[in-house]
C-alpha atoms as a PDB file:
ATOM      1  CA  MET A   1      14.666  -8.388 -18.448  1.00  0.00           C
ATOM      2  CA  SER A   2      10.856  -8.686 -19.542  1.00  0.00           C
ATOM      3  CA  VAL A   3       9.598 -10.653 -22.603  1.00  0.00           C
ATOM      4  CA  VAL A   4       6.177 -10.821 -23.943  1.00  0.00           C
ATOM      5  CA  ILE A   5       5.554 -13.745 -26.092  1.00  0.00           C
ATOM      6  CA  VAL A   6       2.628 -13.486 -28.611  1.00  0.00           C
ATOM      7  CA  GLY A   7       1.217 -16.647 -30.226  1.00  0.00           C
ATOM      8  CA  GLY A   8       2.071 -20.002 -29.695  1.00  0.00           C
ATOM      9  CA  ASN A   9       0.238 -23.075 -28.226  1.00  0.00           C
ATOM     10  CA  GLU A  10      -2.169 -22.740 -25.276  1.00  0.00           C
ATOM     11  CA  CYS A  11      -0.812 -26.085 -23.737  1.00  0.00           C
ATOM     12  CA  MET A  12       2.707 -24.700 -23.784  1.00  0.00           C
ATOM     13  CA  ILE A  13       2.332 -21.439 -21.802  1.00  0.00           C
ATOM     14  CA  ARG A  14       3.845 -22.959 -18.746  1.00  0.00           C
ATOM     15  CA  GLN A  15       6.845 -24.253 -20.561  1.00  0.00           C
ATOM     16  CA  TYR A  16       7.416 -20.944 -22.354  1.00  0.00           C
ATOM     17  CA  LYS A  17       7.442 -19.199 -18.961  1.00  0.00           C
ATOM     18  CA  ASP A  18       9.856 -21.785 -17.335  1.00  0.00           C
ATOM     19  CA  LEU A  19      12.316 -21.548 -20.235  1.00  0.00           C
ATOM     20  CA  CYS A  20      12.149 -17.673 -19.964  1.00  0.00           C
ATOM     21  CA  SER A  21      12.946 -18.036 -16.192  1.00  0.00           C
ATOM     22  CA  GLU A  22      15.737 -20.029 -16.822  1.00  0.00           C
ATOM     23  CA  TYR A  23      17.198 -16.972 -18.756  1.00  0.00           C
ATOM     24  CA  LYS A  24      16.585 -14.916 -15.646  1.00  0.00           C
ATOM     25  CA  CYS A  25      13.452 -13.265 -17.578  1.00  0.00           C
ATOM     26  CA  LYS A  26       9.722 -12.467 -16.823  1.00  0.00           C
ATOM     27  CA  ALA A  27       7.368 -13.316 -19.180  1.00  0.00           C
ATOM     28  CA  LYS A  28       3.823 -12.650 -20.313  1.00  0.00           C
ATOM     29  CA  VAL A  29       2.508 -14.894 -22.873  1.00  0.00           C
ATOM     30  CA  TYR A  30      -0.894 -14.131 -24.821  1.00  0.00           C
ATOM     31  CA  PRO A  31      -1.610 -17.074 -27.162  1.00  0.00           C
ATOM     32  CA  LYS A  32      -4.827 -15.474 -28.017  1.00  0.00           C
ATOM     33  CA  MET A  33      -6.431 -12.352 -28.738  1.00  0.00           C
ATOM     34  CA  VAL A  34      -7.226 -10.798 -25.146  1.00  0.00           C
ATOM     35  CA  SER A  35      -8.966  -7.213 -25.011  1.00  0.00           C
ATOM     36  CA  GLY A  36      -7.048  -6.132 -27.823  1.00  0.00           C
ATOM     37  CA  LEU A  37      -3.688  -6.493 -26.389  1.00  0.00           C
ATOM     38  CA  LYS A  38      -3.600  -3.295 -24.527  1.00  0.00           C
ATOM     39  CA  ASN A  39      -1.787  -4.386 -21.507  1.00  0.00           C
ATOM     40  CA  ILE A  40       1.670  -5.837 -22.963  1.00  0.00           C
ATOM     41  CA  GLY A  41       3.336  -2.840 -21.172  1.00  0.00           C
ATOM     42  CA  THR A  42       6.858  -2.049 -22.266  1.00  0.00           C
ATOM     43  CA  PRO A  43       8.660  -5.397 -22.605  1.00  0.00           C
ATOM     44  CA  ASP A  44      12.438  -5.363 -23.596  1.00  0.00           C
ATOM     45  CA  LEU A  45      11.877  -8.461 -25.973  1.00  0.00           C
ATOM     46  CA  LEU A  46       8.561  -8.934 -28.011  1.00  0.00           C
ATOM     47  CA  VAL A  47       8.545 -12.568 -29.366  1.00  0.00           C
ATOM     48  CA  LEU A  48       5.954 -13.021 -32.198  1.00  0.00           C
ATOM     49  CA  PHE A  49       5.163 -16.737 -33.129  1.00  0.00           C
ATOM     50  CA  THR A  50       3.687 -15.705 -36.570  1.00  0.00           C
ATOM     51  CA  ASN A  51       2.411 -19.404 -37.474  1.00  0.00           C
ATOM     52  CA  THR A  52      -0.175 -19.129 -34.844  1.00  0.00           C
ATOM     53  CA  VAL A  53      -1.436 -15.647 -34.652  1.00  0.00           C
ATOM     54  CA  SER A  54      -4.006 -13.532 -37.054  1.00  0.00           C
ATOM     55  CA  HIS A  55      -2.822 -10.628 -38.895  1.00  0.00           C
ATOM     56  CA  LYS A  56      -4.825  -8.557 -36.924  1.00  0.00           C
ATOM     57  CA  MET A  57      -3.259  -9.699 -33.767  1.00  0.00           C
ATOM     58  CA  VAL A  58       0.208  -8.702 -35.123  1.00  0.00           C
ATOM     59  CA  ARG A  59      -0.978  -5.452 -36.074  1.00  0.00           C
ATOM     60  CA  CYS A  60      -2.139  -4.614 -32.840  1.00  0.00           C
ATOM     61  CA  VAL A  61       0.766  -5.825 -30.916  1.00  0.00           C
ATOM     62  CA  LEU A  62       3.165  -3.834 -33.367  1.00  0.00           C
ATOM     63  CA  SER A  63       1.175  -0.697 -32.823  1.00  0.00           C
ATOM     64  CA  GLU A  64       1.514  -1.208 -28.817  1.00  0.00           C
ATOM     65  CA  ALA A  65       5.147  -1.608 -29.285  1.00  0.00           C
ATOM     66  CA  LYS A  66       5.672   1.248 -31.640  1.00  0.00           C
ATOM     67  CA  GLY A  67       7.834   4.252 -30.353  1.00  0.00           C
ATOM     68  CA  GLN A  68       9.272   1.931 -27.597  1.00  0.00           C
ATOM     69  CA  ASN A  69      12.672   0.723 -27.138  1.00  0.00           C
ATOM     70  CA  THR A  70      11.507  -2.903 -27.779  1.00  0.00           C
ATOM     71  CA  LYS A  71      13.356  -5.614 -29.732  1.00  0.00           C
ATOM     72  CA  ILE A  72      10.833  -7.427 -31.778  1.00  0.00           C
ATOM     73  CA  ALA A  73      11.775 -11.410 -32.892  1.00  0.00           C
ATOM     74  CA  ARG A  74       9.640 -13.242 -34.830  1.00  0.00           C
ATOM     75  CA  SER A  75       9.604 -16.951 -35.568  1.00  0.00           C
ATOM     76  CA  HIS A  76       7.381 -19.163 -37.789  1.00  0.00           C
ATOM     77  CA  SER A  77       7.878 -21.805 -35.608  1.00  0.00           C
ATOM     78  CA  SER A  78       6.426 -21.800 -31.844  1.00  0.00           C
ATOM     79  CA  SER A  79       8.356 -24.708 -30.519  1.00  0.00           C
ATOM     80  CA  MET A  80      10.630 -24.682 -27.370  1.00  0.00           C
ATOM     81  CA  ALA A  81      13.934 -25.002 -29.613  1.00  0.00           C
ATOM     82  CA  ALA A  82      12.443 -21.706 -31.505  1.00  0.00           C
ATOM     83  CA  LEU A  83      12.019 -19.729 -28.449  1.00  0.00           C
ATOM     84  CA  ARG A  84      15.443 -21.008 -27.033  1.00  0.00           C
ATOM     85  CA  SER A  85      17.377 -19.825 -29.901  1.00  0.00           C
ATOM     86  CA  ILE A  86      15.666 -16.364 -29.741  1.00  0.00           C
ATOM     87  CA  LEU A  87      16.375 -16.039 -26.088  1.00  0.00           C
ATOM     88  CA  ASP A  88      19.994 -17.245 -26.437  1.00  0.00           C
ATOM     89  CA  GLU A  89      20.235 -14.723 -29.426  1.00  0.00           C
ATOM     90  CA  HIS A  90      18.669 -11.519 -27.460  1.00  0.00           C
ATOM     91  CA  VAL A  91      19.224 -12.145 -23.716  1.00  0.00           C
ATOM     92  CA  ALA A  92      22.971 -11.540 -22.558  1.00  0.00           C
END
């Protein structure tokens, strides 16, 4: 399963990826706006940490994911516990 995480803390990128690998998922993490986020691909799960991203960034990502079979999970908190609960819910 592929996971794209948008937002979060830059210093926690490694922890986010490690946690996703515990769930047997490949993860891409975008804590900041990078080239319009055109390269997110077609992930199975899109995680939006809404507290740490701009409205523009959310709009860009959602427009990229539109029309794809992607589950979207939003969390106000960008903690490891929040990511763990999202992965528990969406990864079988």
